Amino acid sequence: MTTAEDRNFDPITEHFVKKVYGGLKGDIRLAVLKRDLSAVVSELSQQLNRPLKILDVGAGLAQLSIELATQGHSVTINDISDNMLTEAKTQAKQLAVIEDIEWLVCPYQELDSKLPSESVAGFDLILCHALLEWLGEPKQIMPFFKKWLAPTGVLSLCFYNPASFVYRNLIMGNFNLLNNPDFKSDNKKSLTPNNPVSYEEVEGWLTKQGFNINKVSGLRVFHDYAPLKRGGHSHPEAVIEMELRYSDQAPYKWLGRYIHVLALNTLPSGDI
C-alpha cells in the first residue's frame, strides 16, 4: 500500500500565483484573513508585551506573514516549493525584511529537525493556509501544530471547503461530477483539491488535540457562485465589503470556498 503524496506546486508556480493570489479572489482572501488575524495579533502582543514568534507552514507567497515581519514580529516561513518561496522572497526584499525572516524549504514533516532551537518553547501564532487539502495525510499534521504551538498560542488554519464544491456544481448543473464519488481532476494545472476535508473532520481532529475553536469565517461566501457581474458585482470594493460583512455570519460562512478557523491551544493533546 502506497502513501499518498503531498502536492508540490513547483511545476506550476506562475499559474498558481495568478489563479490563487491574483485578482478579486485573492483580494477577498487577504481581506478576510487580515480582518480575522489583526485582532488576534494585537491581543497576543499586548498579553505577552513583546513581538510574536510566528510560523507560517506551507506559506506559498507568505503575504500575511511577510506583512507581520514588517511590524517587527519574528517570522519563520516554510514551504515545500522552492519556487513559491523565491516569489515570496522578492516581496520580502522589496519590503526590506528578507534578512529578518527565517526561510525553510522543505515538507512540513522535516521541520522538526530544521526549526531554530530557540523555538522549543513554541510559536505564539502558527499560520497554515490552504495546505491541508493538498496533503496526502492531512490528519497527521495536527500533532505537529500541537507540538510547536506555545501553551497560550493561536492556530490560524484555512482550508478548502468541500461543501462549496457540491453547492457550486449544483448551481452549475454539473451533476455528473456529483454522481461520481471518485471524481479526481486529471488536469495537472487544476487547483481544485483532490483531497479536501470537511469542517466536521477538522473540528474533530482539533478537539482531539486539545484545541478550542474560537472563531470560524468563510472566504468567498458568495463571489464564486455569482454567474453574472451585475449591480454590486461590478464593483470590486463593494464585493469585498459584502464578503467581509457576511464572512463570519451563519449560515453564509459555511458556504465559503475556504473555511478559516482560529483555534486556541488550551488543553493537553489526545491520541490521534
Foldseek 3Di string as FASTA:
>chain_A
DDFFAFDECQVPLVLCCCPCCNDLLNVLVVLQVCVVCVVVLVVVCVVVVHAFEEEEAQCQLVPPQLVSVLVVHQYEYEHQHPVSVVNNLVVSVVSPCSVRYHYYHRHPVPVVVVDDPVQQQAGQEYEYAARLLRHSDSLVCLVVNLRRHHLFHKYKYKYFAVVLVVVLCVLVVVVVQVVDPQDDDPDPSDPPRNRGDHPVVVVVSNVQFQKDWDAKWAGCLDLVNDPDCDDQSVPSVSSSVVSNVCGRPPPSVSNHRMMIIMITNHDHHHDD
